[in-house]
């Protein structure tokens, strides 16, 4: 199994994996090489991959440098699935306010630094997003989420994917952050990766939650204890493309 995953991950570690024929939100994020824009790309990354990229391509990220009234005005009529135009504008405002306070890496690091815990790092980041903007709606709350605990039913896939982009450095991931160790990252578990991991025997837990994320991550550490998440993109593509690698 380790041989198969190593082979598949090396095959996928190329820029040709990021095309409009085989879309991924990282295709848009890499264009800007910016931690704030990348977080926007990651948190809107739910649903059909082509639709995600189409939506992200329409966004004007320079609005993060504009005043809040300009953000609201410019994003009129902009919506995506569960987020209406107010949700999108308020999220841009939240990221703008964070940008004026500190780097996202530093905010994450405040929670992460004590025990090198990604869960505590995400706690710090999500709490800060909620703190800088008390706006609340179904769409906005879905986008931002709640601070995680070990019992969380969410897998925090979009946040863990964002951390993979920020911390790892290869032909796909950007490696913009320097304070977080890639060995501590958690698998960005989506439904594709979940089903593939069960099928391959990498995961025994049948419940799609944060405990499944921890179980899969620990299993992959048996193959590479210093970089378990390097297998994420390969597992995702295997599921997305319905490949049979065994």
C-alpha atoms as a PDB file:
ATOM      1  CA  UNK A   1       0.000   0.000   0.000  1.00  0.00           C
ATOM      2  CA  UNK A   2       2.830   2.388   0.828  1.00  0.00           C
ATOM      3  CA  UNK A   3       4.386   1.725  -2.585  1.00  0.00           C
ATOM      4  CA  UNK A   4       1.095   2.428  -4.366  1.00  0.00           C
ATOM      5  CA  UNK A   5       0.472   5.655  -2.459  1.00  0.00           C
ATOM      6  CA  UNK A   6       4.053   6.864  -2.942  1.00  0.00           C
ATOM      7  CA  UNK A   7       3.814   6.180  -6.654  1.00  0.00           C
ATOM      8  CA  UNK A   8       0.464   7.958  -6.986  1.00  0.00           C
ATOM      9  CA  UNK A   9       1.526  10.983  -4.923  1.00  0.00           C
ATOM     10  CA  UNK A  10       4.709  11.451  -6.963  1.00  0.00           C
ATOM     11  CA  UNK A  11       2.687  11.167 -10.172  1.00  0.00           C
ATOM     12  CA  UNK A  12       0.321  13.887  -8.953  1.00  0.00           C
ATOM     13  CA  UNK A  13       3.050  16.268  -7.778  1.00  0.00           C
ATOM     14  CA  UNK A  14       3.051  18.324 -10.959  1.00  0.00           C
ATOM     15  CA  UNK A  15       1.511  21.572 -12.153  1.00  0.00           C
ATOM     16  CA  UNK A  16      -0.307  19.671 -14.890  1.00  0.00           C
ATOM     17  CA  UNK A  17      -2.651  18.443 -12.134  1.00  0.00           C
ATOM     18  CA  UNK A  18      -4.004  21.993 -11.845  1.00  0.00           C
ATOM     19  CA  UNK A  19      -5.895  22.692 -15.051  1.00  0.00           C
ATOM     20  CA  UNK A  20      -9.411  23.742 -16.024  1.00  0.00           C
ATOM     21  CA  UNK A  21      -9.933  20.230 -17.387  1.00  0.00           C
ATOM     22  CA  UNK A  22      -9.127  18.806 -13.958  1.00  0.00           C
ATOM     23  CA  UNK A  23     -10.106  21.736 -11.710  1.00  0.00           C
ATOM     24  CA  UNK A  24      -9.122  22.346  -8.108  1.00  0.00           C
ATOM     25  CA  UNK A  25      -9.422  25.567  -6.042  1.00  0.00           C
ATOM     26  CA  UNK A  26      -5.647  25.499  -5.648  1.00  0.00           C
ATOM     27  CA  UNK A  27      -5.533  26.470  -9.333  1.00  0.00           C
ATOM     28  CA  UNK A  28      -6.866  29.911  -8.374  1.00  0.00           C
ATOM     29  CA  UNK A  29      -5.085  30.232  -5.025  1.00  0.00           C
ATOM     30  CA  UNK A  30      -1.628  29.640  -6.547  1.00  0.00           C
ATOM     31  CA  UNK A  31      -2.204  32.514  -8.933  1.00  0.00           C
ATOM     32  CA  UNK A  32      -1.972  34.960  -6.018  1.00  0.00           C
ATOM     33  CA  UNK A  33       0.428  33.254  -3.580  1.00  0.00           C
ATOM     34  CA  UNK A  34      -1.289  35.019  -0.685  1.00  0.00           C
ATOM     35  CA  UNK A  35      -2.435  33.524   2.635  1.00  0.00           C
ATOM     36  CA  UNK A  36      -5.589  35.662   2.883  1.00  0.00           C
ATOM     37  CA  UNK A  37      -6.776  35.017  -0.686  1.00  0.00           C
ATOM     38  CA  UNK A  38      -5.941  31.341  -0.252  1.00  0.00           C
ATOM     39  CA  UNK A  39      -8.205  31.129   2.802  1.00  0.00           C
ATOM     40  CA  UNK A  40     -11.082  32.567   0.760  1.00  0.00           C
ATOM     41  CA  UNK A  41     -10.407  30.001  -1.986  1.00  0.00           C
ATOM     42  CA  UNK A  42     -10.272  27.155   0.543  1.00  0.00           C
ATOM     43  CA  UNK A  43     -13.428  28.019   2.466  1.00  0.00           C
ATOM     44  CA  UNK A  44     -15.514  28.365  -0.695  1.00  0.00           C
ATOM     45  CA  UNK A  45     -14.183  24.974  -1.855  1.00  0.00           C
ATOM     46  CA  UNK A  46     -17.302  22.867  -1.402  1.00  0.00           C
ATOM     47  CA  UNK A  47     -19.529  21.400  -4.095  1.00  0.00           C
ATOM     48  CA  UNK A  48     -18.660  20.712  -7.718  1.00  0.00           C
ATOM     49  CA  UNK A  49     -14.987  21.450  -8.459  1.00  0.00           C
ATOM     50  CA  UNK A  50     -15.697  23.169 -11.775  1.00  0.00           C
ATOM     51  CA  UNK A  51     -18.311  25.412 -10.173  1.00  0.00           C
ATOM     52  CA  UNK A  52     -15.938  26.257  -7.317  1.00  0.00           C
ATOM     53  CA  UNK A  53     -13.216  27.391  -9.720  1.00  0.00           C
ATOM     54  CA  UNK A  54     -15.734  29.273 -11.866  1.00  0.00           C
ATOM     55  CA  UNK A  55     -16.952  31.183  -8.803  1.00  0.00           C
ATOM     56  CA  UNK A  56     -13.433  31.925  -7.508  1.00  0.00           C
ATOM     57  CA  UNK A  57     -12.403  33.220 -10.931  1.00  0.00           C
ATOM     58  CA  UNK A  58     -15.178  35.817 -10.711  1.00  0.00           C
ATOM     59  CA  UNK A  59     -14.025  37.227  -7.368  1.00  0.00           C
ATOM     60  CA  UNK A  60     -12.077  40.488  -7.212  1.00  0.00           C
ATOM     61  CA  UNK A  61      -9.591  39.864  -4.427  1.00  0.00           C
ATOM     62  CA  UNK A  62      -8.246  43.417  -4.647  1.00  0.00           C
ATOM     63  CA  UNK A  63     -11.371  44.336  -2.664  1.00  0.00           C
ATOM     64  CA  UNK A  64      -9.478  43.216   0.443  1.00  0.00           C
ATOM     65  CA  UNK A  65      -7.605  46.517   0.136  1.00  0.00           C
ATOM     66  CA  UNK A  66     -10.765  48.628  -0.204  1.00  0.00           C
ATOM     67  CA  UNK A  67     -13.053  50.142   2.432  1.00  0.00           C
ATOM     68  CA  UNK A  68     -15.989  48.086   3.691  1.00  0.00           C
ATOM     69  CA  UNK A  69     -18.644  50.093   1.852  1.00  0.00           C
ATOM     70  CA  UNK A  70     -16.805  49.487  -1.421  1.00  0.00           C
ATOM     71  CA  UNK A  71     -16.678  45.768  -0.642  1.00  0.00           C
ATOM     72  CA  UNK A  72     -20.443  45.650  -0.080  1.00  0.00           C
ATOM     73  CA  UNK A  73     -21.144  47.676  -3.209  1.00  0.00           C
ATOM     74  CA  UNK A  74     -18.805  45.690  -5.457  1.00  0.00           C
ATOM     75  CA  UNK A  75     -20.129  42.310  -4.316  1.00  0.00           C
ATOM     76  CA  UNK A  76     -23.793  43.042  -4.971  1.00  0.00           C
ATOM     77  CA  UNK A  77     -25.259  40.117  -6.887  1.00  0.00           C
ATOM     78  CA  UNK A  78     -22.336  37.848  -5.963  1.00  0.00           C
ATOM     79  CA  UNK A  79     -23.451  34.578  -4.394  1.00  0.00           C
ATOM     80  CA  UNK A  80     -22.410  30.943  -4.180  1.00  0.00           C
ATOM     81  CA  UNK A  81     -24.626  28.049  -3.130  1.00  0.00           C
ATOM     82  CA  UNK A  82     -25.458  28.635   0.577  1.00  0.00           C
ATOM     83  CA  UNK A  83     -23.907  32.137   0.594  1.00  0.00           C
ATOM     84  CA  UNK A  84     -25.951  35.127  -0.586  1.00  0.00           C
ATOM     85  CA  UNK A  85     -24.375  38.463  -1.528  1.00  0.00           C
ATOM     86  CA  UNK A  86     -24.378  39.703   2.088  1.00  0.00           C
ATOM     87  CA  UNK A  87     -22.634  36.527   3.287  1.00  0.00           C
ATOM     88  CA  UNK A  88     -19.923  36.898   0.631  1.00  0.00           C
ATOM     89  CA  UNK A  89     -19.421  40.595   1.413  1.00  0.00           C
ATOM     90  CA  UNK A  90     -19.286  39.994   5.171  1.00  0.00           C
ATOM     91  CA  UNK A  91     -16.718  37.245   4.688  1.00  0.00           C
ATOM     92  CA  UNK A  92     -14.525  39.577   2.618  1.00  0.00           C
ATOM     93  CA  UNK A  93     -14.891  42.160   5.378  1.00  0.00           C
ATOM     94  CA  UNK A  94     -13.818  39.597   7.981  1.00  0.00           C
ATOM     95  CA  UNK A  95     -10.694  38.710   5.994  1.00  0.00           C
ATOM     96  CA  UNK A  96      -9.933  42.411   5.436  1.00  0.00           C
ATOM     97  CA  UNK A  97     -10.149  43.024   9.204  1.00  0.00           C
ATOM     98  CA  UNK A  98      -7.866  40.056   9.910  1.00  0.00           C
ATOM     99  CA  UNK A  99      -5.387  41.397   7.374  1.00  0.00           C
ATOM    100  CA  UNK A 100      -5.283  44.688   9.285  1.00  0.00           C
ATOM    101  CA  UNK A 101      -4.601  42.871  12.591  1.00  0.00           C
ATOM    102  CA  UNK A 102      -1.960  40.205  11.897  1.00  0.00           C
ATOM    103  CA  UNK A 103      -0.887  37.438   9.565  1.00  0.00           C
ATOM    104  CA  UNK A 104      -3.065  34.329   9.507  1.00  0.00           C
ATOM    105  CA  UNK A 105       0.034  32.294  10.306  1.00  0.00           C
ATOM    106  CA  UNK A 106       0.594  34.221  13.535  1.00  0.00           C
ATOM    107  CA  UNK A 107      -3.072  33.910  14.526  1.00  0.00           C
ATOM    108  CA  UNK A 108      -2.985  30.152  13.919  1.00  0.00           C
ATOM    109  CA  UNK A 109       0.368  29.831  15.674  1.00  0.00           C
ATOM    110  CA  UNK A 110      -1.016  31.283  18.911  1.00  0.00           C
ATOM    111  CA  UNK A 111      -3.093  28.138  19.398  1.00  0.00           C
ATOM    112  CA  UNK A 112      -0.704  25.714  17.735  1.00  0.00           C
ATOM    113  CA  UNK A 113       2.555  26.611  19.478  1.00  0.00           C
ATOM    114  CA  UNK A 114       2.010  25.029  22.910  1.00  0.00           C
ATOM    115  CA  UNK A 115       1.438  21.401  21.891  1.00  0.00           C
ATOM    116  CA  UNK A 116       1.898  21.620  18.103  1.00  0.00           C
ATOM    117  CA  UNK A 117      -1.838  20.972  17.858  1.00  0.00           C
ATOM    118  CA  UNK A 118      -3.550  21.765  14.569  1.00  0.00           C
ATOM    119  CA  UNK A 119      -6.909  21.549  16.342  1.00  0.00           C
ATOM    120  CA  UNK A 120      -5.842  24.264  18.794  1.00  0.00           C
ATOM    121  CA  UNK A 121      -4.424  26.305  15.909  1.00  0.00           C
ATOM    122  CA  UNK A 122      -7.762  26.121  14.100  1.00  0.00           C
ATOM    123  CA  UNK A 123      -9.491  27.072  17.330  1.00  0.00           C
ATOM    124  CA  UNK A 124      -7.381  30.216  17.459  1.00  0.00           C
ATOM    125  CA  UNK A 125      -7.991  31.076  13.800  1.00  0.00           C
ATOM    126  CA  UNK A 126     -11.744  30.451  13.721  1.00  0.00           C
ATOM    127  CA  UNK A 127     -12.315  32.260  17.022  1.00  0.00           C
ATOM    128  CA  UNK A 128     -10.459  35.272  15.645  1.00  0.00           C
ATOM    129  CA  UNK A 129     -12.584  35.286  12.476  1.00  0.00           C
ATOM    130  CA  UNK A 130     -15.732  35.209  14.600  1.00  0.00           C
ATOM    131  CA  UNK A 131     -14.316  37.884  16.918  1.00  0.00           C
ATOM    132  CA  UNK A 132     -13.469  40.446  14.229  1.00  0.00           C
ATOM    133  CA  UNK A 133     -16.935  40.204  12.697  1.00  0.00           C
ATOM    134  CA  UNK A 134     -19.992  39.205  14.786  1.00  0.00           C
ATOM    135  CA  UNK A 135     -22.154  38.843  11.670  1.00  0.00           C
ATOM    136  CA  UNK A 136     -24.232  35.665  11.660  1.00  0.00           C
ATOM    137  CA  UNK A 137     -26.394  33.898   9.071  1.00  0.00           C
ATOM    138  CA  UNK A 138     -26.809  30.343   7.878  1.00  0.00           C
ATOM    139  CA  UNK A 139     -24.582  30.868   4.825  1.00  0.00           C
ATOM    140  CA  UNK A 140     -21.890  32.787   6.671  1.00  0.00           C
ATOM    141  CA  UNK A 141     -21.800  30.345   9.584  1.00  0.00           C
ATOM    142  CA  UNK A 142     -21.562  27.417   7.155  1.00  0.00           C
ATOM    143  CA  UNK A 143     -18.600  29.081   5.474  1.00  0.00           C
ATOM    144  CA  UNK A 144     -16.621  29.959   8.610  1.00  0.00           C
ATOM    145  CA  UNK A 145     -17.617  27.059  10.852  1.00  0.00           C
ATOM    146  CA  UNK A 146     -17.146  26.725  14.603  1.00  0.00           C
ATOM    147  CA  UNK A 147     -13.979  26.136  16.657  1.00  0.00           C
ATOM    148  CA  UNK A 148     -13.203  22.390  16.592  1.00  0.00           C
ATOM    149  CA  UNK A 149     -13.044  19.892  19.433  1.00  0.00           C
ATOM    150  CA  UNK A 150     -12.067  16.233  19.348  1.00  0.00           C
ATOM    151  CA  UNK A 151     -15.782  15.375  19.272  1.00  0.00           C
ATOM    152  CA  UNK A 152     -16.577  17.600  16.265  1.00  0.00           C
ATOM    153  CA  UNK A 153     -18.800  16.024  13.641  1.00  0.00           C
ATOM    154  CA  UNK A 154     -17.171  18.163  10.959  1.00  0.00           C
ATOM    155  CA  UNK A 155     -13.919  16.954   9.356  1.00  0.00           C
ATOM    156  CA  UNK A 156     -12.756  20.571   8.829  1.00  0.00           C
ATOM    157  CA  UNK A 157     -11.728  19.501   5.353  1.00  0.00           C
ATOM    158  CA  UNK A 158     -11.520  23.011   3.896  1.00  0.00           C
ATOM    159  CA  UNK A 159      -9.377  24.341   6.745  1.00  0.00           C
ATOM    160  CA  UNK A 160      -7.070  21.321   6.684  1.00  0.00           C
ATOM    161  CA  UNK A 161      -6.715  21.694   2.919  1.00  0.00           C
ATOM    162  CA  UNK A 162      -5.798  25.343   3.455  1.00  0.00           C
ATOM    163  CA  UNK A 163      -3.145  24.329   5.988  1.00  0.00           C
ATOM    164  CA  UNK A 164      -1.738  21.815   3.496  1.00  0.00           C
ATOM    165  CA  UNK A 165      -1.397  24.605   0.933  1.00  0.00           C
ATOM    166  CA  UNK A 166       0.251  26.966   3.435  1.00  0.00           C
ATOM    167  CA  UNK A 167       2.629  24.560   5.202  1.00  0.00           C
ATOM    168  CA  UNK A 168       3.773  22.025   2.597  1.00  0.00           C
ATOM    169  CA  UNK A 169       6.011  23.063  -0.279  1.00  0.00           C
ATOM    170  CA  UNK A 170       6.140  21.115  -3.549  1.00  0.00           C
ATOM    171  CA  UNK A 171       4.853  21.552  -7.107  1.00  0.00           C
ATOM    172  CA  UNK A 172       1.298  21.817  -5.777  1.00  0.00           C
ATOM    173  CA  UNK A 173       1.406  23.297  -2.274  1.00  0.00           C
ATOM    174  CA  UNK A 174       2.704  26.826  -1.732  1.00  0.00           C
ATOM    175  CA  UNK A 175       4.593  26.573   1.568  1.00  0.00           C
ATOM    176  CA  UNK A 176       3.990  30.200   2.577  1.00  0.00           C
ATOM    177  CA  UNK A 177       4.070  29.478   6.324  1.00  0.00           C
ATOM    178  CA  UNK A 178       7.296  28.716   8.201  1.00  0.00           C
ATOM    179  CA  UNK A 179       6.163  28.284  11.836  1.00  0.00           C
ATOM    180  CA  UNK A 180       4.080  25.127  11.416  1.00  0.00           C
ATOM    181  CA  UNK A 181       5.603  21.670  10.900  1.00  0.00           C
ATOM    182  CA  UNK A 182       4.083  19.571   8.117  1.00  0.00           C
ATOM    183  CA  UNK A 183       4.328  16.457  10.315  1.00  0.00           C
ATOM    184  CA  UNK A 184       1.527  17.925  12.476  1.00  0.00           C
ATOM    185  CA  UNK A 185      -0.942  18.486   9.636  1.00  0.00           C
ATOM    186  CA  UNK A 186      -4.241  16.607   9.502  1.00  0.00           C
ATOM    187  CA  UNK A 187      -5.751  14.980   6.430  1.00  0.00           C
ATOM    188  CA  UNK A 188      -8.281  17.151   4.565  1.00  0.00           C
ATOM    189  CA  UNK A 189     -10.945  14.449   4.608  1.00  0.00           C
ATOM    190  CA  UNK A 190     -13.753  14.873   2.055  1.00  0.00           C
ATOM    191  CA  UNK A 191     -16.248  12.281   0.860  1.00  0.00           C
ATOM    192  CA  UNK A 192     -13.965  11.132  -1.996  1.00  0.00           C
ATOM    193  CA  UNK A 193     -10.997  10.592   0.312  1.00  0.00           C
ATOM    194  CA  UNK A 194     -13.190   9.025   2.996  1.00  0.00           C
ATOM    195  CA  UNK A 195     -14.631   6.389   0.638  1.00  0.00           C
ATOM    196  CA  UNK A 196     -11.268   5.635  -0.957  1.00  0.00           C
ATOM    197  CA  UNK A 197      -9.582   5.309   2.449  1.00  0.00           C
ATOM    198  CA  UNK A 198     -12.247   2.861   3.636  1.00  0.00           C
ATOM    199  CA  UNK A 199     -11.921   0.848   0.419  1.00  0.00           C
ATOM    200  CA  UNK A 200      -8.128   0.698   0.701  1.00  0.00           C
ATOM    201  CA  UNK A 201      -8.257  -0.317   4.353  1.00  0.00           C
ATOM    202  CA  UNK A 202      -6.546   2.873   5.509  1.00  0.00           C
ATOM    203  CA  UNK A 203      -9.541   3.775   7.619  1.00  0.00           C
ATOM    204  CA  UNK A 204     -11.786   1.606   9.771  1.00  0.00           C
ATOM    205  CA  UNK A 205     -14.022   4.257  11.301  1.00  0.00           C
ATOM    206  CA  UNK A 206     -17.329   4.391   9.423  1.00  0.00           C
ATOM    207  CA  UNK A 207     -18.351   7.800  10.767  1.00  0.00           C
ATOM    208  CA  UNK A 208     -17.342  10.843   8.727  1.00  0.00           C
ATOM    209  CA  UNK A 209     -16.024  13.139  11.486  1.00  0.00           C
ATOM    210  CA  UNK A 210     -12.895  14.589  13.073  1.00  0.00           C
ATOM    211  CA  UNK A 211     -12.030  11.285  14.762  1.00  0.00           C
ATOM    212  CA  UNK A 212     -11.872   9.716  11.284  1.00  0.00           C
ATOM    213  CA  UNK A 213      -9.471  12.484  10.245  1.00  0.00           C
ATOM    214  CA  UNK A 214      -7.198  11.677  13.183  1.00  0.00           C
ATOM    215  CA  UNK A 215      -7.366   7.929  12.517  1.00  0.00           C
ATOM    216  CA  UNK A 216      -6.479   8.313   8.834  1.00  0.00           C
ATOM    217  CA  UNK A 217      -3.683  10.788   9.586  1.00  0.00           C
ATOM    218  CA  UNK A 218      -2.158   8.426  12.137  1.00  0.00           C
ATOM    219  CA  UNK A 219      -2.355   5.554   9.644  1.00  0.00           C
ATOM    220  CA  UNK A 220      -0.562   7.581   6.984  1.00  0.00           C
ATOM    221  CA  UNK A 221       2.127   8.495   9.507  1.00  0.00           C
ATOM    222  CA  UNK A 222       3.100   4.823   9.351  1.00  0.00           C
ATOM    223  CA  UNK A 223       4.126   5.477   5.729  1.00  0.00           C
ATOM    224  CA  UNK A 224       5.696   8.905   6.284  1.00  0.00           C
ATOM    225  CA  UNK A 225       5.760  10.206   9.859  1.00  0.00           C
ATOM    226  CA  UNK A 226       7.207  13.543   8.766  1.00  0.00           C
ATOM    227  CA  UNK A 227       4.716  14.280   5.976  1.00  0.00           C
ATOM    228  CA  UNK A 228       1.525  12.186   6.224  1.00  0.00           C
ATOM    229  CA  UNK A 229      -0.612  14.686   4.324  1.00  0.00           C
ATOM    230  CA  UNK A 230       1.486  14.388   1.160  1.00  0.00           C
ATOM    231  CA  UNK A 231      -0.852  11.533   0.172  1.00  0.00           C
ATOM    232  CA  UNK A 232      -3.944  13.766   0.289  1.00  0.00           C
ATOM    233  CA  UNK A 233      -4.016  14.967  -3.310  1.00  0.00           C
ATOM    234  CA  UNK A 234      -3.411  11.462  -4.639  1.00  0.00           C
ATOM    235  CA  UNK A 235      -6.227   9.958  -2.546  1.00  0.00           C
ATOM    236  CA  UNK A 236      -8.542  12.800  -3.533  1.00  0.00           C
ATOM    237  CA  UNK A 237      -7.878  12.321  -7.249  1.00  0.00           C
ATOM    238  CA  UNK A 238      -8.271   8.531  -6.982  1.00  0.00           C
ATOM    239  CA  UNK A 239     -11.761   9.118  -5.603  1.00  0.00           C
ATOM    240  CA  UNK A 240     -12.649  11.993  -7.898  1.00  0.00           C
ATOM    241  CA  UNK A 241     -11.536  10.116 -11.017  1.00  0.00           C
ATOM    242  CA  UNK A 242     -12.924   6.783  -9.771  1.00  0.00           C
ATOM    243  CA  UNK A 243      -9.600   5.052 -10.306  1.00  0.00           C
ATOM    244  CA  UNK A 244      -8.929   1.460  -9.267  1.00  0.00           C
ATOM    245  CA  UNK A 245      -5.280   1.390  -8.179  1.00  0.00           C
ATOM    246  CA  UNK A 246      -5.327  -2.151  -6.758  1.00  0.00           C
END
